[in-house]
Amino acid sequence: TARQRGILVSNTPGVLSEDTADMAMALILAVTRRIPEGQAIMQTGDWAGWSPMALLGGRIKGRKLGILGMGRVGQALAKRARCFGMEVHYHNRRRLHESIEAEHEATWWESLDQMVSRVDVLSINCPHTPSTFHLITARRLKRMKPDAVIVNTSRGEVIDENALTRMLRAGESAGAGLDVFEHGTEANPRLRALPNVVLLPHMGSATREARAEMGEKVLINIQTFADGHRPPDLVVPGML
């Protein structure tokens, strides 16, 4: 490991939060309002005109959003969701300070099982660690409402992707928006054929602004280390 080899590791925290939250909100809208299905009809030239029952989606105002992982990205998503009139619910290992909850009008759930069974949209915003691997198991997926949707802009390993695929194919889940996958670039091929699934190639942080800010942080960390000082974004501070 880097620690064993005495290699210092830094990252670029904070610069991706707003863009990733934008993407999570975009996926929520894309899935609930069936935007890719509408685009596909237009691209194939199959649109026969407006119909009152065509491509009916769901209104998100007043719906319950459950955020799994209320860190920087989760809180940025909460701000956006409130602007759309959604109720914000969240599950964290530790409850946030009451002032932060008040700012986002957010309700904390100590039990993840109870939260997933009550929300209309579940957004995955926690990191992948040994304790979060398959945190969203088949059992928890089955606790969700049949008309609920799930979006993931964090790490694919947090969801049991095979279980999610089975439920989507069986019509036991209303839809999913995935920017990350359990096996890296290998999305489950059965997901590609489902019209109620939006798949993206890990685009959550893909903005010009984010890349520029990431580069600036990298240069600052390198220069600080080269000058004999502690890099500001050191991942393992105890190594210095």
C-alpha atoms as a PDB file:
ATOM      1  CA  THR A   1       0.000   0.000   0.000  1.00  0.00           C
ATOM      2  CA  ALA A   2       0.985   3.650  -0.251  1.00  0.00           C
ATOM      3  CA  ARG A   3       1.308   3.817   3.534  1.00  0.00           C
ATOM      4  CA  GLN A   4       3.612   0.801   3.617  1.00  0.00           C
ATOM      5  CA  ARG A   5       5.782   2.261   0.862  1.00  0.00           C
ATOM      6  CA  GLY A   6       5.905   5.692   2.467  1.00  0.00           C
ATOM      7  CA  ILE A   7       4.125   7.339  -0.454  1.00  0.00           C
ATOM      8  CA  LEU A   8       2.074  10.411   0.340  1.00  0.00           C
ATOM      9  CA  VAL A   9      -1.370  10.557  -1.251  1.00  0.00           C
ATOM     10  CA  SER A  10      -3.484  13.646  -1.824  1.00  0.00           C
ATOM     11  CA  ASN A  11      -6.812  14.190  -3.535  1.00  0.00           C
ATOM     12  CA  THR A  12      -8.945  17.081  -4.769  1.00  0.00           C
ATOM     13  CA  PRO A  13     -11.813  17.436  -2.281  1.00  0.00           C
ATOM     14  CA  GLY A  14     -14.654  19.884  -2.634  1.00  0.00           C
ATOM     15  CA  VAL A  15     -14.319  20.745  -6.320  1.00  0.00           C
ATOM     16  CA  LEU A  16     -16.719  18.081  -7.616  1.00  0.00           C
ATOM     17  CA  SER A  17     -19.645  18.501  -5.237  1.00  0.00           C
ATOM     18  CA  GLU A  18     -21.760  20.981  -7.184  1.00  0.00           C
ATOM     19  CA  ASP A  19     -21.296  19.254 -10.540  1.00  0.00           C
ATOM     20  CA  THR A  20     -22.018  15.792  -9.149  1.00  0.00           C
ATOM     21  CA  ALA A  21     -25.137  17.106  -7.426  1.00  0.00           C
ATOM     22  CA  ASP A  22     -26.239  18.627 -10.743  1.00  0.00           C
ATOM     23  CA  MET A  23     -25.868  15.225 -12.385  1.00  0.00           C
ATOM     24  CA  ALA A  24     -27.816  13.476  -9.641  1.00  0.00           C
ATOM     25  CA  MET A  25     -30.659  15.955 -10.097  1.00  0.00           C
ATOM     26  CA  ALA A  26     -30.474  15.523 -13.865  1.00  0.00           C
ATOM     27  CA  LEU A  27     -30.792  11.749 -13.486  1.00  0.00           C
ATOM     28  CA  ILE A  28     -33.766  12.135 -11.158  1.00  0.00           C
ATOM     29  CA  LEU A  29     -35.525  14.263 -13.773  1.00  0.00           C
ATOM     30  CA  ALA A  30     -34.454  12.069 -16.688  1.00  0.00           C
ATOM     31  CA  VAL A  31     -35.840   8.905 -15.102  1.00  0.00           C
ATOM     32  CA  THR A  32     -39.025  10.292 -13.572  1.00  0.00           C
ATOM     33  CA  ARG A  33     -39.958  12.319 -16.675  1.00  0.00           C
ATOM     34  CA  ARG A  34     -38.787   9.653 -19.160  1.00  0.00           C
ATOM     35  CA  ILE A  35     -36.606  12.102 -21.068  1.00  0.00           C
ATOM     36  CA  PRO A  36     -34.378   9.528 -22.845  1.00  0.00           C
ATOM     37  CA  GLU A  37     -37.461   7.671 -24.097  1.00  0.00           C
ATOM     38  CA  GLY A  38     -38.772  10.886 -25.607  1.00  0.00           C
ATOM     39  CA  GLN A  39     -35.426  11.633 -27.197  1.00  0.00           C
ATOM     40  CA  ALA A  40     -35.291   8.133 -28.708  1.00  0.00           C
ATOM     41  CA  ILE A  41     -38.684   8.656 -30.361  1.00  0.00           C
ATOM     42  CA  MET A  42     -37.526  11.935 -31.872  1.00  0.00           C
ATOM     43  CA  GLN A  43     -34.230  10.463 -33.085  1.00  0.00           C
ATOM     44  CA  THR A  44     -35.948   7.573 -34.852  1.00  0.00           C
ATOM     45  CA  GLY A  45     -38.586   9.836 -36.378  1.00  0.00           C
ATOM     46  CA  ASP A  46     -41.412   7.831 -34.802  1.00  0.00           C
ATOM     47  CA  TRP A  47     -43.249  10.742 -33.199  1.00  0.00           C
ATOM     48  CA  ALA A  48     -46.821  10.798 -34.474  1.00  0.00           C
ATOM     49  CA  GLY A  49     -47.847  13.910 -32.562  1.00  0.00           C
ATOM     50  CA  TRP A  50     -48.945  14.894 -29.082  1.00  0.00           C
ATOM     51  CA  SER A  51     -51.121  12.479 -27.137  1.00  0.00           C
ATOM     52  CA  PRO A  52     -52.556  13.018 -23.639  1.00  0.00           C
ATOM     53  CA  MET A  53     -51.383   9.602 -22.431  1.00  0.00           C
ATOM     54  CA  ALA A  54     -48.012   9.374 -24.154  1.00  0.00           C
ATOM     55  CA  LEU A  55     -44.856   8.994 -22.047  1.00  0.00           C
ATOM     56  CA  LEU A  56     -46.531   9.847 -18.773  1.00  0.00           C
ATOM     57  CA  GLY A  57     -43.969  10.326 -16.042  1.00  0.00           C
ATOM     58  CA  GLY A  58     -44.167  11.427 -12.439  1.00  0.00           C
ATOM     59  CA  ARG A  59     -44.182  14.846 -10.809  1.00  0.00           C
ATOM     60  CA  ILE A  60     -41.302  15.311  -8.376  1.00  0.00           C
ATOM     61  CA  LYS A  61     -42.767  18.222  -6.421  1.00  0.00           C
ATOM     62  CA  GLY A  62     -43.892  16.913  -3.057  1.00  0.00           C
ATOM     63  CA  ARG A  63     -42.068  13.612  -3.492  1.00  0.00           C
ATOM     64  CA  LYS A  64     -39.697  12.264  -0.862  1.00  0.00           C
ATOM     65  CA  LEU A  65     -35.994  12.169  -1.736  1.00  0.00           C
ATOM     66  CA  GLY A  66     -33.829   9.864   0.349  1.00  0.00           C
ATOM     67  CA  ILE A  67     -30.134  10.747   0.340  1.00  0.00           C
ATOM     68  CA  LEU A  68     -27.746   7.999   1.379  1.00  0.00           C
ATOM     69  CA  GLY A  69     -24.661   9.924   2.456  1.00  0.00           C
ATOM     70  CA  MET A  70     -25.283  13.546   3.417  1.00  0.00           C
ATOM     71  CA  GLY A  71     -21.774  14.855   2.849  1.00  0.00           C
ATOM     72  CA  ARG A  72     -20.795  17.667   0.501  1.00  0.00           C
ATOM     73  CA  VAL A  73     -22.510  16.147  -2.548  1.00  0.00           C
ATOM     74  CA  GLY A  74     -25.544  15.021  -0.577  1.00  0.00           C
ATOM     75  CA  GLN A  75     -26.052  18.487   0.875  1.00  0.00           C
ATOM     76  CA  ALA A  76     -25.608  20.124  -2.532  1.00  0.00           C
ATOM     77  CA  LEU A  77     -28.245  17.748  -3.906  1.00  0.00           C
ATOM     78  CA  ALA A  78     -30.553  18.562  -0.992  1.00  0.00           C
ATOM     79  CA  LYS A  79     -30.428  22.263  -1.937  1.00  0.00           C
ATOM     80  CA  ARG A  80     -31.435  21.463  -5.496  1.00  0.00           C
ATOM     81  CA  ALA A  81     -34.170  19.069  -4.446  1.00  0.00           C
ATOM     82  CA  ARG A  82     -35.721  21.658  -2.146  1.00  0.00           C
ATOM     83  CA  CYS A  83     -35.848  24.106  -5.075  1.00  0.00           C
ATOM     84  CA  PHE A  84     -37.922  21.506  -6.929  1.00  0.00           C
ATOM     85  CA  GLY A  85     -40.260  21.181  -3.960  1.00  0.00           C
ATOM     86  CA  MET A  86     -39.081  17.752  -2.828  1.00  0.00           C
ATOM     87  CA  GLU A  87     -38.975  16.590   0.788  1.00  0.00           C
ATOM     88  CA  VAL A  88     -35.433  15.770   1.880  1.00  0.00           C
ATOM     89  CA  HIS A  89     -34.678  12.702   3.975  1.00  0.00           C
ATOM     90  CA  TYR A  90     -31.237  11.292   4.675  1.00  0.00           C
ATOM     91  CA  HIS A  91     -29.313   8.473   6.291  1.00  0.00           C
ATOM     92  CA  ASN A  92     -25.793   8.938   7.638  1.00  0.00           C
ATOM     93  CA  ARG A  93     -23.615   7.049  10.045  1.00  0.00           C
ATOM     94  CA  ARG A  94     -23.873  10.148  12.221  1.00  0.00           C
ATOM     95  CA  ARG A  95     -26.685  12.642  12.391  1.00  0.00           C
ATOM     96  CA  LEU A  96     -25.851  16.124  11.124  1.00  0.00           C
ATOM     97  CA  HIS A  97     -25.969  19.171  13.361  1.00  0.00           C
ATOM     98  CA  GLU A  98     -29.477  20.507  13.777  1.00  0.00           C
ATOM     99  CA  SER A  99     -28.499  23.766  12.057  1.00  0.00           C
ATOM    100  CA  ILE A 100     -27.568  21.856   8.875  1.00  0.00           C
ATOM    101  CA  GLU A 101     -30.790  19.858   9.050  1.00  0.00           C
ATOM    102  CA  ALA A 102     -32.744  23.093   9.413  1.00  0.00           C
ATOM    103  CA  GLU A 103     -30.919  24.667   6.460  1.00  0.00           C
ATOM    104  CA  HIS A 104     -31.972  21.794   4.189  1.00  0.00           C
ATOM    105  CA  GLU A 105     -35.267  21.048   5.955  1.00  0.00           C
ATOM    106  CA  ALA A 106     -33.941  17.502   6.128  1.00  0.00           C
ATOM    107  CA  THR A 107     -35.210  14.555   8.157  1.00  0.00           C
ATOM    108  CA  TRP A 108     -32.652  12.088   9.516  1.00  0.00           C
ATOM    109  CA  TRP A 109     -33.371   8.370   9.565  1.00  0.00           C
ATOM    110  CA  GLU A 110     -31.299   6.260  11.900  1.00  0.00           C
ATOM    111  CA  SER A 111     -32.605   3.156  10.124  1.00  0.00           C
ATOM    112  CA  LEU A 112     -31.707   2.841   6.448  1.00  0.00           C
ATOM    113  CA  ASP A 113     -34.325   0.104   6.071  1.00  0.00           C
ATOM    114  CA  GLN A 114     -37.060   2.443   7.239  1.00  0.00           C
ATOM    115  CA  MET A 115     -35.914   5.291   5.019  1.00  0.00           C
ATOM    116  CA  VAL A 116     -35.730   3.283   1.789  1.00  0.00           C
ATOM    117  CA  SER A 117     -39.232   1.937   2.357  1.00  0.00           C
ATOM    118  CA  ARG A 118     -40.708   5.440   2.566  1.00  0.00           C
ATOM    119  CA  VAL A 119     -38.944   7.525  -0.085  1.00  0.00           C
ATOM    120  CA  ASP A 120     -39.930   7.986  -3.722  1.00  0.00           C
ATOM    121  CA  VAL A 121     -36.394   8.616  -4.967  1.00  0.00           C
ATOM    122  CA  LEU A 122     -33.230   7.151  -3.455  1.00  0.00           C
ATOM    123  CA  SER A 123     -29.931   8.853  -4.280  1.00  0.00           C
ATOM    124  CA  ILE A 124     -26.639   7.130  -3.500  1.00  0.00           C
ATOM    125  CA  ASN A 125     -24.049   9.675  -2.360  1.00  0.00           C
ATOM    126  CA  CYS A 126     -21.855   7.729   0.058  1.00  0.00           C
ATOM    127  CA  PRO A 127     -18.318   6.485  -0.680  1.00  0.00           C
ATOM    128  CA  HIS A 128     -17.422   2.875  -1.354  1.00  0.00           C
ATOM    129  CA  THR A 129     -15.788   1.313   1.690  1.00  0.00           C
ATOM    130  CA  PRO A 130     -15.811  -2.246   3.038  1.00  0.00           C
ATOM    131  CA  SER A 131     -18.817  -1.277   5.168  1.00  0.00           C
ATOM    132  CA  THR A 132     -20.797   0.193   2.247  1.00  0.00           C
ATOM    133  CA  PHE A 133     -20.168  -2.604  -0.272  1.00  0.00           C
ATOM    134  CA  HIS A 134     -23.643  -3.762  -1.394  1.00  0.00           C
ATOM    135  CA  LEU A 135     -25.180  -1.561   1.281  1.00  0.00           C
ATOM    136  CA  ILE A 136     -28.202  -1.473  -1.015  1.00  0.00           C
ATOM    137  CA  THR A 137     -28.845  -5.198  -1.006  1.00  0.00           C
ATOM    138  CA  ALA A 138     -31.585  -7.165  -2.724  1.00  0.00           C
ATOM    139  CA  ARG A 139     -33.479  -7.129   0.559  1.00  0.00           C
ATOM    140  CA  ARG A 140     -33.332  -3.343   0.816  1.00  0.00           C
ATOM    141  CA  LEU A 141     -34.257  -2.908  -2.837  1.00  0.00           C
ATOM    142  CA  LYS A 142     -37.361  -4.997  -2.220  1.00  0.00           C
ATOM    143  CA  ARG A 143     -38.324  -2.691   0.643  1.00  0.00           C
ATOM    144  CA  MET A 144     -38.582   0.249  -1.758  1.00  0.00           C
ATOM    145  CA  LYS A 145     -41.920   1.314  -3.179  1.00  0.00           C
ATOM    146  CA  PRO A 146     -42.616  -0.278  -6.577  1.00  0.00           C
ATOM    147  CA  ASP A 147     -42.959   3.199  -8.107  1.00  0.00           C
ATOM    148  CA  ALA A 148     -39.734   4.502  -6.538  1.00  0.00           C
ATOM    149  CA  VAL A 149     -36.577   5.183  -8.535  1.00  0.00           C
ATOM    150  CA  ILE A 150     -32.910   4.988  -7.595  1.00  0.00           C
ATOM    151  CA  VAL A 151     -29.991   7.095  -8.835  1.00  0.00           C
ATOM    152  CA  ASN A 152     -26.288   6.584  -8.210  1.00  0.00           C
ATOM    153  CA  THR A 153     -23.566   9.151  -8.862  1.00  0.00           C
ATOM    154  CA  SER A 154     -21.205   7.878  -6.169  1.00  0.00           C
ATOM    155  CA  ARG A 155     -19.775   4.359  -6.486  1.00  0.00           C
ATOM    156  CA  GLY A 156     -21.330   1.388  -8.230  1.00  0.00           C
ATOM    157  CA  GLU A 157     -20.251  -1.107  -5.589  1.00  0.00           C
ATOM    158  CA  VAL A 158     -22.708   0.361  -3.081  1.00  0.00           C
ATOM    159  CA  ILE A 159     -25.625  -1.267  -4.963  1.00  0.00           C
ATOM    160  CA  ASP A 160     -26.078  -4.966  -5.654  1.00  0.00           C
ATOM    161  CA  GLU A 161     -26.288  -4.363  -9.403  1.00  0.00           C
ATOM    162  CA  ASN A 162     -27.492  -7.853 -10.290  1.00  0.00           C
ATOM    163  CA  ALA A 163     -30.334  -7.592  -7.790  1.00  0.00           C
ATOM    164  CA  LEU A 164     -31.291  -4.160  -9.123  1.00  0.00           C
ATOM    165  CA  THR A 165     -31.246  -5.477 -12.684  1.00  0.00           C
ATOM    166  CA  ARG A 166     -33.522  -8.380 -11.776  1.00  0.00           C
ATOM    167  CA  MET A 167     -36.029  -6.070 -10.101  1.00  0.00           C
ATOM    168  CA  LEU A 168     -36.054  -3.609 -12.990  1.00  0.00           C
ATOM    169  CA  ARG A 169     -36.606  -6.396 -15.521  1.00  0.00           C
ATOM    170  CA  ALA A 170     -39.411  -7.827 -13.400  1.00  0.00           C
ATOM    171  CA  GLY A 171     -41.143  -4.454 -13.125  1.00  0.00           C
ATOM    172  CA  GLU A 172     -40.601  -4.367  -9.360  1.00  0.00           C
ATOM    173  CA  SER A 173     -38.750  -1.045  -9.566  1.00  0.00           C
ATOM    174  CA  ALA A 174     -39.899   1.996 -11.531  1.00  0.00           C
ATOM    175  CA  GLY A 175     -36.516   3.032 -12.875  1.00  0.00           C
ATOM    176  CA  ALA A 176     -32.870   3.835 -12.280  1.00  0.00           C
ATOM    177  CA  GLY A 177     -30.310   6.435 -13.276  1.00  0.00           C
ATOM    178  CA  LEU A 178     -26.735   5.203 -13.013  1.00  0.00           C
ATOM    179  CA  ASP A 179     -23.534   7.153 -13.598  1.00  0.00           C
ATOM    180  CA  VAL A 180     -21.384   4.454 -11.970  1.00  0.00           C
ATOM    181  CA  PHE A 181     -21.365   0.667 -12.068  1.00  0.00           C
ATOM    182  CA  GLU A 182     -20.337  -2.170  -9.812  1.00  0.00           C
ATOM    183  CA  HIS A 183     -17.681  -3.467 -12.211  1.00  0.00           C
ATOM    184  CA  GLY A 184     -16.116  -0.240 -13.426  1.00  0.00           C
ATOM    185  CA  THR A 185     -16.819   0.353 -17.112  1.00  0.00           C
ATOM    186  CA  GLU A 186     -18.740  -2.922 -17.451  1.00  0.00           C
ATOM    187  CA  ALA A 187     -22.395  -2.064 -16.945  1.00  0.00           C
ATOM    188  CA  ASN A 188     -24.685  -5.065 -16.725  1.00  0.00           C
ATOM    189  CA  PRO A 189     -25.638  -5.671 -20.400  1.00  0.00           C
ATOM    190  CA  ARG A 190     -29.223  -6.429 -19.411  1.00  0.00           C
ATOM    191  CA  LEU A 191     -29.567  -2.855 -18.152  1.00  0.00           C
ATOM    192  CA  ARG A 192     -28.940  -1.410 -21.616  1.00  0.00           C
ATOM    193  CA  ALA A 193     -32.135  -2.902 -23.005  1.00  0.00           C
ATOM    194  CA  LEU A 194     -34.404  -1.375 -20.361  1.00  0.00           C
ATOM    195  CA  PRO A 195     -36.244   1.815 -21.361  1.00  0.00           C
ATOM    196  CA  ASN A 196     -36.659   2.950 -17.745  1.00  0.00           C
ATOM    197  CA  VAL A 197     -32.920   2.969 -17.055  1.00  0.00           C
ATOM    198  CA  VAL A 198     -30.595   5.890 -17.815  1.00  0.00           C
ATOM    199  CA  LEU A 199     -26.926   4.917 -18.084  1.00  0.00           C
ATOM    200  CA  LEU A 200     -24.094   7.448 -18.201  1.00  0.00           C
ATOM    201  CA  PRO A 201     -20.308   6.939 -18.537  1.00  0.00           C
ATOM    202  CA  HIS A 202     -19.274   8.389 -15.152  1.00  0.00           C
ATOM    203  CA  MET A 203     -19.988  11.996 -16.175  1.00  0.00           C
ATOM    204  CA  GLY A 204     -20.834  13.363 -12.730  1.00  0.00           C
ATOM    205  CA  SER A 205     -17.795  15.620 -12.449  1.00  0.00           C
ATOM    206  CA  ALA A 206     -17.316  16.218 -16.167  1.00  0.00           C
ATOM    207  CA  THR A 207     -17.353  20.003 -16.407  1.00  0.00           C
ATOM    208  CA  ARG A 208     -14.606  22.296 -17.624  1.00  0.00           C
ATOM    209  CA  GLU A 209     -14.743  24.162 -14.340  1.00  0.00           C
ATOM    210  CA  ALA A 210     -14.288  21.021 -12.242  1.00  0.00           C
ATOM    211  CA  ARG A 211     -11.326  19.799 -14.273  1.00  0.00           C
ATOM    212  CA  ALA A 212      -9.605  23.178 -14.021  1.00  0.00           C
ATOM    213  CA  GLU A 213     -10.123  23.301 -10.251  1.00  0.00           C
ATOM    214  CA  MET A 214      -8.898  19.712  -9.900  1.00  0.00           C
ATOM    215  CA  GLY A 215      -5.732  20.586 -11.800  1.00  0.00           C
ATOM    216  CA  GLU A 216      -5.134  23.638  -9.639  1.00  0.00           C
ATOM    217  CA  LYS A 217      -5.445  21.575  -6.469  1.00  0.00           C
ATOM    218  CA  VAL A 218      -3.024  18.960  -7.815  1.00  0.00           C
ATOM    219  CA  LEU A 219      -0.437  21.629  -8.624  1.00  0.00           C
ATOM    220  CA  ILE A 220      -0.837  23.261  -5.209  1.00  0.00           C
ATOM    221  CA  ASN A 221      -0.349  19.920  -3.443  1.00  0.00           C
ATOM    222  CA  ILE A 222       2.742  19.069  -5.508  1.00  0.00           C
ATOM    223  CA  GLN A 223       4.309  22.496  -5.061  1.00  0.00           C
ATOM    224  CA  THR A 224       3.606  22.531  -1.330  1.00  0.00           C
ATOM    225  CA  PHE A 225       5.253  19.120  -0.919  1.00  0.00           C
ATOM    226  CA  ALA A 226       8.213  20.150  -3.077  1.00  0.00           C
ATOM    227  CA  ASP A 227       8.684  23.184  -0.823  1.00  0.00           C
ATOM    228  CA  GLY A 228       8.974  20.880   2.176  1.00  0.00           C
ATOM    229  CA  HIS A 229       5.545  21.482   3.647  1.00  0.00           C
ATOM    230  CA  ARG A 230       2.476  19.380   4.330  1.00  0.00           C
ATOM    231  CA  PRO A 231       0.230  19.099   1.244  1.00  0.00           C
ATOM    232  CA  PRO A 232      -3.141  20.676   2.091  1.00  0.00           C
ATOM    233  CA  ASP A 233      -5.192  17.738   0.798  1.00  0.00           C
ATOM    234  CA  LEU A 234      -3.198  14.865   2.260  1.00  0.00           C
ATOM    235  CA  VAL A 235      -5.327  11.731   2.487  1.00  0.00           C
ATOM    236  CA  VAL A 236      -3.360  10.186   5.372  1.00  0.00           C
ATOM    237  CA  PRO A 237      -2.149  13.094   7.552  1.00  0.00           C
ATOM    238  CA  GLY A 238      -0.552  10.747  10.073  1.00  0.00           C
ATOM    239  CA  MET A 239       2.141   9.838   7.549  1.00  0.00           C
ATOM    240  CA  LEU A 240       3.849  13.223   7.936  1.00  0.00           C
END
